[in-house]
Amino acid sequence: KCEAVNTFSIRNEQFRASSSGPIAAYPDDPRKSA
């Protein structure tokens, strides 16, 4: 699938990110979700 769309991936295992608190349903700003 990646070759078909001419893309590739590289994984960085050291990266982490965590939510600073609960994420409300249907947040009013996309910056508050994914």
PDB file of all heavy atoms in Angstrom:
ATOM      1  N   LYS A   1       0.824  -1.204   0.000  1.00  0.00           N
ATOM      2  CA  LYS A   1       0.000   0.000   0.000  1.00  0.00           C
ATOM      3  C   LYS A   1       0.861   1.259   0.000  1.00  0.00           C
ATOM      4  O   LYS A   1       0.537   2.256  -0.661  1.00  0.00           O
ATOM      5  CB  LYS A   1      -0.941  -0.003   1.198  1.00  0.00           C
ATOM      6  CG  LYS A   1      -2.052  -1.045   1.096  1.00  0.00           C
ATOM      7  CD  LYS A   1      -3.002  -0.965   2.287  1.00  0.00           C
ATOM      8  CE  LYS A   1      -4.137  -1.972   2.133  1.00  0.00           C
ATOM      9  NZ  LYS A   1      -5.078  -1.921   3.277  1.00  0.00           N
ATOM     10  N   CYS A   2       1.946   1.252   0.740  1.00  0.00           N
ATOM     11  CA  CYS A   2       2.830   2.416   0.770  1.00  0.00           C
ATOM     12  C   CYS A   2       3.532   2.605  -0.571  1.00  0.00           C
ATOM     13  O   CYS A   2       3.641   3.724  -1.069  1.00  0.00           O
ATOM     14  CB  CYS A   2       3.851   2.280   1.898  1.00  0.00           C
ATOM     15  SG  CYS A   2       3.121   2.443   3.562  1.00  0.00           S
ATOM     16  N   GLU A   3       3.995   1.529  -1.150  1.00  0.00           N
ATOM     17  CA  GLU A   3       4.651   1.623  -2.451  1.00  0.00           C
ATOM     18  C   GLU A   3       3.683   2.115  -3.511  1.00  0.00           C
ATOM     19  O   GLU A   3       4.062   2.868  -4.412  1.00  0.00           O
ATOM     20  CB  GLU A   3       5.228   0.262  -2.847  1.00  0.00           C
ATOM     21  CG  GLU A   3       6.419  -0.169  -2.000  1.00  0.00           C
ATOM     22  CD  GLU A   3       6.888  -1.570  -2.319  1.00  0.00           C
ATOM     23  OE1 GLU A   3       6.374  -2.136  -3.318  1.00  0.00           O
ATOM     24  OE2 GLU A   3       7.743  -2.102  -1.590  1.00  0.00           O
ATOM     25  N   ALA A   4       2.420   1.725  -3.398  1.00  0.00           N
ATOM     26  CA  ALA A   4       1.431   2.116  -4.401  1.00  0.00           C
ATOM     27  C   ALA A   4       1.204   3.618  -4.422  1.00  0.00           C
ATOM     28  O   ALA A   4       0.848   4.186  -5.465  1.00  0.00           O
ATOM     29  CB  ALA A   4       0.113   1.396  -4.145  1.00  0.00           C
ATOM     30  N   VAL A   5       1.403   4.277  -3.293  1.00  0.00           N
ATOM     31  CA  VAL A   5       1.212   5.736  -3.231  1.00  0.00           C
ATOM     32  C   VAL A   5       2.543   6.458  -3.041  1.00  0.00           C
ATOM     33  O   VAL A   5       2.581   7.633  -2.678  1.00  0.00           O
ATOM     34  CB  VAL A   5       0.214   6.113  -2.107  1.00  0.00           C
ATOM     35  CG1 VAL A   5      -1.176   5.631  -2.447  1.00  0.00           C
ATOM     36  CG2 VAL A   5       0.666   5.550  -0.760  1.00  0.00           C
ATOM     37  N   ASN A   6       3.643   5.735  -3.282  1.00  0.00           N
ATOM     38  CA  ASN A   6       4.988   6.325  -3.293  1.00  0.00           C
ATOM     39  C   ASN A   6       5.322   7.020  -1.974  1.00  0.00           C
ATOM     40  O   ASN A   6       5.753   8.179  -1.936  1.00  0.00           O
ATOM     41  CB  ASN A   6       5.133   7.320  -4.452  1.00  0.00           C
ATOM     42  CG  ASN A   6       6.575   7.708  -4.705  1.00  0.00           C
ATOM     43  OD1 ASN A   6       7.492   6.914  -4.469  1.00  0.00           O
ATOM     44  ND2 ASN A   6       6.800   8.929  -5.174  1.00  0.00           N
ATOM     45  N   THR A   7       5.136   6.304  -0.888  1.00  0.00           N
ATOM     46  CA  THR A   7       5.485   6.855   0.414  1.00  0.00           C
ATOM     47  C   THR A   7       6.230   5.801   1.218  1.00  0.00           C
ATOM     48  O   THR A   7       6.303   4.633   0.833  1.00  0.00           O
ATOM     49  CB  THR A   7       4.238   7.335   1.168  1.00  0.00           C
ATOM     50  OG1 THR A   7       4.646   8.127   2.294  1.00  0.00           O
ATOM     51  CG2 THR A   7       3.392   6.174   1.662  1.00  0.00           C
ATOM     52  N   PHE A   8       6.798   6.213   2.346  1.00  0.00           N
ATOM     53  CA  PHE A   8       7.533   5.301   3.219  1.00  0.00           C
ATOM     54  C   PHE A   8       7.454   5.844   4.637  1.00  0.00           C
ATOM     55  O   PHE A   8       7.125   7.021   4.859  1.00  0.00           O
ATOM     56  CB  PHE A   8       8.996   5.151   2.784  1.00  0.00           C
ATOM     57  CG  PHE A   8       9.788   6.421   2.907  1.00  0.00           C
ATOM     58  CD1 PHE A   8      10.535   6.696   4.048  1.00  0.00           C
ATOM     59  CD2 PHE A   8       9.800   7.349   1.872  1.00  0.00           C
ATOM     60  CE1 PHE A   8      11.254   7.871   4.163  1.00  0.00           C
ATOM     61  CE2 PHE A   8      10.528   8.520   1.974  1.00  0.00           C
ATOM     62  CZ  PHE A   8      11.261   8.786   3.124  1.00  0.00           C
ATOM     63  N   SER A   9       7.748   5.000   5.598  1.00  0.00           N
ATOM     64  CA  SER A   9       7.711   5.429   6.994  1.00  0.00           C
ATOM     65  C   SER A   9       9.008   5.089   7.699  1.00  0.00           C
ATOM     66  O   SER A   9       9.683   4.115   7.365  1.00  0.00           O
ATOM     67  CB  SER A   9       6.535   4.769   7.737  1.00  0.00           C
ATOM     68  OG  SER A   9       6.727   3.360   7.833  1.00  0.00           O
ATOM     69  N   ILE A  10       9.344   5.917   8.687  1.00  0.00           N
ATOM     70  CA  ILE A  10      10.477   5.691   9.573  1.00  0.00           C
ATOM     71  C   ILE A  10       9.964   5.883  10.997  1.00  0.00           C
ATOM     72  O   ILE A  10       9.298   6.881  11.296  1.00  0.00           O
ATOM     73  CB  ILE A  10      11.632   6.665   9.281  1.00  0.00           C
ATOM     74  CG1 ILE A  10      12.154   6.435   7.855  1.00  0.00           C
ATOM     75  CG2 ILE A  10      12.758   6.489  10.299  1.00  0.00           C
ATOM     76  CD1 ILE A  10      13.134   7.474   7.394  1.00  0.00           C
ATOM     77  N   ARG A  11      10.249   4.948  11.869  1.00  0.00           N
ATOM     78  CA  ARG A  11       9.724   4.995  13.233  1.00  0.00           C
ATOM     79  C   ARG A  11      10.790   5.512  14.197  1.00  0.00           C
ATOM     80  O   ARG A  11      11.928   5.044  14.196  1.00  0.00           O
ATOM     81  CB  ARG A  11       9.264   3.607  13.666  1.00  0.00           C
ATOM     82  CG  ARG A  11       8.757   3.546  15.104  1.00  0.00           C
ATOM     83  CD  ARG A  11       8.205   2.179  15.431  1.00  0.00           C
ATOM     84  NE  ARG A  11       7.017   1.883  14.634  1.00  0.00           N
ATOM     85  CZ  ARG A  11       6.330   0.753  14.731  1.00  0.00           C
ATOM     86  NH1 ARG A  11       6.709  -0.200  15.580  1.00  0.00           N
ATOM     87  NH2 ARG A  11       5.266   0.563  13.972  1.00  0.00           N
ATOM     88  N   ASN A  12      10.398   6.481  15.025  1.00  0.00           N
ATOM     89  CA  ASN A  12      11.228   6.928  16.132  1.00  0.00           C
ATOM     90  C   ASN A  12      10.646   6.358  17.420  1.00  0.00           C
ATOM     91  O   ASN A  12       9.555   6.744  17.843  1.00  0.00           O
ATOM     92  CB  ASN A  12      11.265   8.460  16.195  1.00  0.00           C
ATOM     93  CG  ASN A  12      12.173   8.963  17.300  1.00  0.00           C
ATOM     94  OD1 ASN A  12      11.832   8.883  18.471  1.00  0.00           O
ATOM     95  ND2 ASN A  12      13.326   9.499  16.923  1.00  0.00           N
ATOM     96  N   GLU A  13      11.382   5.427  18.006  1.00  0.00           N
ATOM     97  CA  GLU A  13      10.887   4.725  19.187  1.00  0.00           C
ATOM     98  C   GLU A  13      10.964   5.562  20.452  1.00  0.00           C
ATOM     99  O   GLU A  13      10.308   5.254  21.454  1.00  0.00           O
ATOM    100  CB  GLU A  13      11.684   3.429  19.386  1.00  0.00           C
ATOM    101  CG  GLU A  13      11.582   2.445  18.232  1.00  0.00           C
ATOM    102  CD  GLU A  13      10.313   1.613  18.298  1.00  0.00           C
ATOM    103  OE1 GLU A  13       9.473   1.885  19.185  1.00  0.00           O
ATOM    104  OE2 GLU A  13      10.158   0.700  17.464  1.00  0.00           O
ATOM    105  N   GLN A  14      11.780   6.633  20.439  1.00  0.00           N
ATOM    106  CA  GLN A  14      11.964   7.426  21.650  1.00  0.00           C
ATOM    107  C   GLN A  14      10.831   8.426  21.892  1.00  0.00           C
ATOM    108  O   GLN A  14      10.666   8.936  22.993  1.00  0.00           O
ATOM    109  CB  GLN A  14      13.292   8.190  21.600  1.00  0.00           C
ATOM    110  CG  GLN A  14      14.523   7.332  21.877  1.00  0.00           C
ATOM    111  CD  GLN A  14      14.801   6.343  20.759  1.00  0.00           C
ATOM    112  OE1 GLN A  14      14.786   6.711  19.596  1.00  0.00           O
ATOM    113  NE2 GLN A  14      15.026   5.092  21.118  1.00  0.00           N
ATOM    114  N   PHE A  15      10.074   8.716  20.855  1.00  0.00           N
ATOM    115  CA  PHE A  15       9.029   9.733  20.982  1.00  0.00           C
ATOM    116  C   PHE A  15       7.904   9.247  21.895  1.00  0.00           C
ATOM    117  O   PHE A  15       7.450   8.118  21.815  1.00  0.00           O
ATOM    118  CB  PHE A  15       8.458  10.074  19.604  1.00  0.00           C
ATOM    119  CG  PHE A  15       7.328  11.064  19.647  1.00  0.00           C
ATOM    120  CD1 PHE A  15       7.587  12.420  19.644  1.00  0.00           C
ATOM    121  CD2 PHE A  15       6.013  10.631  19.694  1.00  0.00           C
ATOM    122  CE1 PHE A  15       6.540  13.341  19.687  1.00  0.00           C
ATOM    123  CE2 PHE A  15       4.966  11.538  19.730  1.00  0.00           C
ATOM    124  CZ  PHE A  15       5.230  12.897  19.732  1.00  0.00           C
ATOM    125  N   ARG A  16       7.451  10.156  22.753  1.00  0.00           N
ATOM    126  CA  ARG A  16       6.274   9.936  23.570  1.00  0.00           C
ATOM    127  C   ARG A  16       5.498  11.250  23.661  1.00  0.00           C
ATOM    128  O   ARG A  16       6.093  12.338  23.636  1.00  0.00           O
ATOM    129  CB  ARG A  16       6.646   9.507  25.003  1.00  0.00           C
ATOM    130  CG  ARG A  16       7.414   8.205  25.111  1.00  0.00           C
ATOM    131  CD  ARG A  16       6.523   7.003  24.810  1.00  0.00           C
ATOM    132  NE  ARG A  16       7.219   5.757  25.060  1.00  0.00           N
ATOM    133  CZ  ARG A  16       8.016   5.140  24.194  1.00  0.00           C
ATOM    134  NH1 ARG A  16       8.226   5.677  23.006  1.00  0.00           N
ATOM    135  NH2 ARG A  16       8.609   4.007  24.503  1.00  0.00           N
ATOM    136  N   ALA A  17       4.200  11.153  23.747  1.00  0.00           N
ATOM    137  CA  ALA A  17       3.363  12.316  24.040  1.00  0.00           C
ATOM    138  C   ALA A  17       2.183  11.842  24.872  1.00  0.00           C
ATOM    139  O   ALA A  17       1.637  10.755  24.634  1.00  0.00           O
ATOM    140  CB  ALA A  17       2.881  12.995  22.762  1.00  0.00           C
ATOM    141  N   SER A  18       1.797  12.648  25.837  1.00  0.00           N
ATOM    142  CA  SER A  18       0.723  12.263  26.747  1.00  0.00           C
ATOM    143  C   SER A  18      -0.260  13.411  26.896  1.00  0.00           C
ATOM    144  O   SER A  18       0.121  14.586  26.855  1.00  0.00           O
ATOM    145  CB  SER A  18       1.291  11.898  28.127  1.00  0.00           C
ATOM    146  OG  SER A  18       2.216  10.835  28.031  1.00  0.00           O
ATOM    147  N   SER A  19      -1.515  13.047  27.094  1.00  0.00           N
ATOM    148  CA  SER A  19      -2.540  14.076  27.297  1.00  0.00           C
ATOM    149  C   SER A  19      -2.335  14.739  28.656  1.00  0.00           C
ATOM    150  O   SER A  19      -1.994  14.084  29.644  1.00  0.00           O
ATOM    151  CB  SER A  19      -3.931  13.469  27.190  1.00  0.00           C
ATOM    152  OG  SER A  19      -4.085  12.396  28.110  1.00  0.00           O
ATOM    153  N   SER A  20      -2.544  16.039  28.668  1.00  0.00           N
ATOM    154  CA  SER A  20      -2.367  16.796  29.910  1.00  0.00           C
ATOM    155  C   SER A  20      -3.556  16.661  30.846  1.00  0.00           C
ATOM    156  O   SER A  20      -3.504  17.121  31.992  1.00  0.00           O
ATOM    157  CB  SER A  20      -2.132  18.269  29.578  1.00  0.00           C
ATOM    158  OG  SER A  20      -3.227  18.784  28.825  1.00  0.00           O
ATOM    159  N   GLY A  21      -4.627  16.038  30.368  1.00  0.00           N
ATOM    160  CA  GLY A  21      -5.829  15.830  31.179  1.00  0.00           C
ATOM    161  C   GLY A  21      -6.872  15.114  30.361  1.00  0.00           C
ATOM    162  O   GLY A  21      -6.637  14.731  29.200  1.00  0.00           O
ATOM    163  N   PRO A  22      -8.033  14.899  30.890  1.00  0.00           N
ATOM    164  CA  PRO A  22      -9.114  14.234  30.138  1.00  0.00           C
ATOM    165  C   PRO A  22      -9.491  15.036  28.893  1.00  0.00           C
ATOM    166  O   PRO A  22      -9.389  16.262  28.878  1.00  0.00           O
ATOM    167  CB  PRO A  22     -10.265  14.202  31.146  1.00  0.00           C
ATOM    168  CG  PRO A  22      -9.617  14.338  32.487  1.00  0.00           C
ATOM    169  CD  PRO A  22      -8.425  15.213  32.277  1.00  0.00           C
ATOM    170  N   ILE A  23      -9.928  14.338  27.866  1.00  0.00           N
ATOM    171  CA  ILE A  23     -10.357  14.961  26.612  1.00  0.00           C
ATOM    172  C   ILE A  23     -11.875  14.838  26.538  1.00  0.00           C
ATOM    173  O   ILE A  23     -12.414  13.720  26.462  1.00  0.00           O
ATOM    174  CB  ILE A  23      -9.689  14.287  25.401  1.00  0.00           C
ATOM    175  CG1 ILE A  23      -8.165  14.314  25.552  1.00  0.00           C
ATOM    176  CG2 ILE A  23     -10.120  14.972  24.106  1.00  0.00           C
ATOM    177  CD1 ILE A  23      -7.429  13.521  24.488  1.00  0.00           C
ATOM    178  N   ALA A  24     -12.547  15.962  26.551  1.00  0.00           N
ATOM    179  CA  ALA A  24     -14.008  15.940  26.533  1.00  0.00           C
ATOM    180  C   ALA A  24     -14.526  15.475  25.180  1.00  0.00           C
ATOM    181  O   ALA A  24     -13.870  15.638  24.144  1.00  0.00           O
ATOM    182  CB  ALA A  24     -14.542  17.342  26.846  1.00  0.00           C
ATOM    183  N   ALA A  25     -15.727  14.883  25.178  1.00  0.00           N
ATOM    184  CA  ALA A  25     -16.358  14.482  23.918  1.00  0.00           C
ATOM    185  C   ALA A  25     -16.680  15.720  23.087  1.00  0.00           C
ATOM    186  O   ALA A  25     -17.039  16.773  23.625  1.00  0.00           O
ATOM    187  CB  ALA A  25     -17.631  13.696  24.199  1.00  0.00           C
ATOM    188  N   TYR A  26     -16.500  15.590  21.804  1.00  0.00           N
ATOM    189  CA  TYR A  26     -16.751  16.683  20.856  1.00  0.00           C
ATOM    190  C   TYR A  26     -16.144  18.005  21.348  1.00  0.00           C
ATOM    191  O   TYR A  26     -16.861  18.989  21.581  1.00  0.00           O
ATOM    192  CB  TYR A  26     -18.257  16.869  20.610  1.00  0.00           C
ATOM    193  CG  TYR A  26     -18.904  15.706  19.928  1.00  0.00           C
ATOM    194  CD1 TYR A  26     -19.668  14.802  20.664  1.00  0.00           C
ATOM    195  CD2 TYR A  26     -18.745  15.496  18.566  1.00  0.00           C
ATOM    196  CE1 TYR A  26     -20.263  13.715  20.051  1.00  0.00           C
ATOM    197  CE2 TYR A  26     -19.346  14.413  17.938  1.00  0.00           C
ATOM    198  CZ  TYR A  26     -20.093  13.525  18.672  1.00  0.00           C
ATOM    199  OH  TYR A  26     -20.686  12.448  18.062  1.00  0.00           O
ATOM    200  N   PRO A  27     -14.823  18.053  21.514  1.00  0.00           N
ATOM    201  CA  PRO A  27     -14.212  19.298  21.994  1.00  0.00           C
ATOM    202  C   PRO A  27     -14.484  20.439  21.031  1.00  0.00           C
ATOM    203  O   PRO A  27     -14.648  20.234  19.820  1.00  0.00           O
ATOM    204  CB  PRO A  27     -12.722  18.949  22.067  1.00  0.00           C
ATOM    205  CG  PRO A  27     -12.544  17.797  21.147  1.00  0.00           C
ATOM    206  CD  PRO A  27     -13.823  17.021  21.208  1.00  0.00           C
ATOM    207  N   ASP A  28     -14.531  21.665  21.587  1.00  0.00           N
ATOM    208  CA  ASP A  28     -14.878  22.826  20.768  1.00  0.00           C
ATOM    209  C   ASP A  28     -13.731  23.317  19.899  1.00  0.00           C
ATOM    210  O   ASP A  28     -13.901  24.229  19.097  1.00  0.00           O
ATOM    211  CB  ASP A  28     -15.370  23.974  21.662  1.00  0.00           C
ATOM    212  CG  ASP A  28     -14.344  24.368  22.725  1.00  0.00           C
ATOM    213  OD1 ASP A  28     -13.222  23.794  22.710  1.00  0.00           O
ATOM    214  OD2 ASP A  28     -14.666  25.225  23.578  1.00  0.00           O
ATOM    215  N   ASP A  29     -12.552  22.732  20.049  1.00  0.00           N
ATOM    216  CA  ASP A  29     -11.376  23.130  19.275  1.00  0.00           C
ATOM    217  C   ASP A  29     -10.625  21.860  18.905  1.00  0.00           C
ATOM    218  O   ASP A  29     -10.337  21.024  19.784  1.00  0.00           O
ATOM    219  CB  ASP A  29     -10.479  24.050  20.117  1.00  0.00           C
ATOM    220  CG  ASP A  29      -9.312  24.635  19.327  1.00  0.00           C
ATOM    221  OD1 ASP A  29      -8.885  24.015  18.321  1.00  0.00           O
ATOM    222  OD2 ASP A  29      -8.806  25.701  19.716  1.00  0.00           O
ATOM    223  N   PRO A  30     -10.297  21.655  17.618  1.00  0.00           N
ATOM    224  CA  PRO A  30      -9.566  20.426  17.236  1.00  0.00           C
ATOM    225  C   PRO A  30      -8.228  20.289  17.942  1.00  0.00           C
ATOM    226  O   PRO A  30      -7.708  19.164  18.044  1.00  0.00           O
ATOM    227  CB  PRO A  30      -9.395  20.575  15.710  1.00  0.00           C
ATOM    228  CG  PRO A  30      -9.611  22.017  15.424  1.00  0.00           C
ATOM    229  CD  PRO A  30     -10.584  22.501  16.453  1.00  0.00           C
ATOM    230  N   ARG A  31      -7.665  21.384  18.432  1.00  0.00           N
ATOM    231  CA  ARG A  31      -6.379  21.311  19.130  1.00  0.00           C
ATOM    232  C   ARG A  31      -6.511  20.577  20.460  1.00  0.00           C
ATOM    233  O   ARG A  31      -5.495  20.227  21.073  1.00  0.00           O
ATOM    234  CB  ARG A  31      -5.822  22.710  19.372  1.00  0.00           C
ATOM    235  CG  ARG A  31      -5.491  23.482  18.085  1.00  0.00           C
ATOM    236  CD  ARG A  31      -4.832  24.827  18.430  1.00  0.00           C
ATOM    237  NE  ARG A  31      -3.605  24.644  19.181  1.00  0.00           N
ATOM    238  CZ  ARG A  31      -2.410  24.379  18.653  1.00  0.00           C
ATOM    239  NH1 ARG A  31      -2.294  24.260  17.312  1.00  0.00           N
ATOM    240  NH2 ARG A  31      -1.349  24.226  19.408  1.00  0.00           N
ATOM    241  N   LYS A  32      -7.756  20.337  20.918  1.00  0.00           N
ATOM    242  CA  LYS A  32      -7.970  19.658  22.191  1.00  0.00           C
ATOM    243  C   LYS A  32      -8.137  18.160  22.030  1.00  0.00           C
ATOM    244  O   LYS A  32      -8.352  17.449  23.023  1.00  0.00           O
ATOM    245  CB  LYS A  32      -9.199  20.254  22.886  1.00  0.00           C
ATOM    246  CG  LYS A  32      -9.042  21.723  23.263  1.00  0.00           C
ATOM    247  CD  LYS A  32     -10.297  22.257  23.913  1.00  0.00           C
ATOM    248  CE  LYS A  32     -10.153  23.741  24.275  1.00  0.00           C
ATOM    249  NZ  LYS A  32     -11.402  24.279  24.894  1.00  0.00           N
ATOM    250  N   SER A  33      -8.059  17.656  20.794  1.00  0.00           N
ATOM    251  CA  SER A  33      -8.189  16.222  20.554  1.00  0.00           C
ATOM    252  C   SER A  33      -6.928  15.736  19.829  1.00  0.00           C
ATOM    253  O   SER A  33      -5.828  16.187  20.136  1.00  0.00           O
ATOM    254  CB  SER A  33      -9.457  15.948  19.753  1.00  0.00           C
ATOM    255  OG  SER A  33      -9.706  14.567  19.682  1.00  0.00           O
ATOM    256  N   ALA A  34      -7.080  14.819  18.877  1.00  0.00           N
ATOM    257  CA  ALA A  34      -5.925  14.291  18.124  1.00  0.00           C
ATOM    258  C   ALA A  34      -5.608  15.249  16.984  1.00  0.00           C
ATOM    259  O   ALA A  34      -6.356  15.334  15.999  1.00  0.00           O
ATOM    260  CB  ALA A  34      -6.230  12.899  17.597  1.00  0.00           C
TER     261      ALA A  34
END
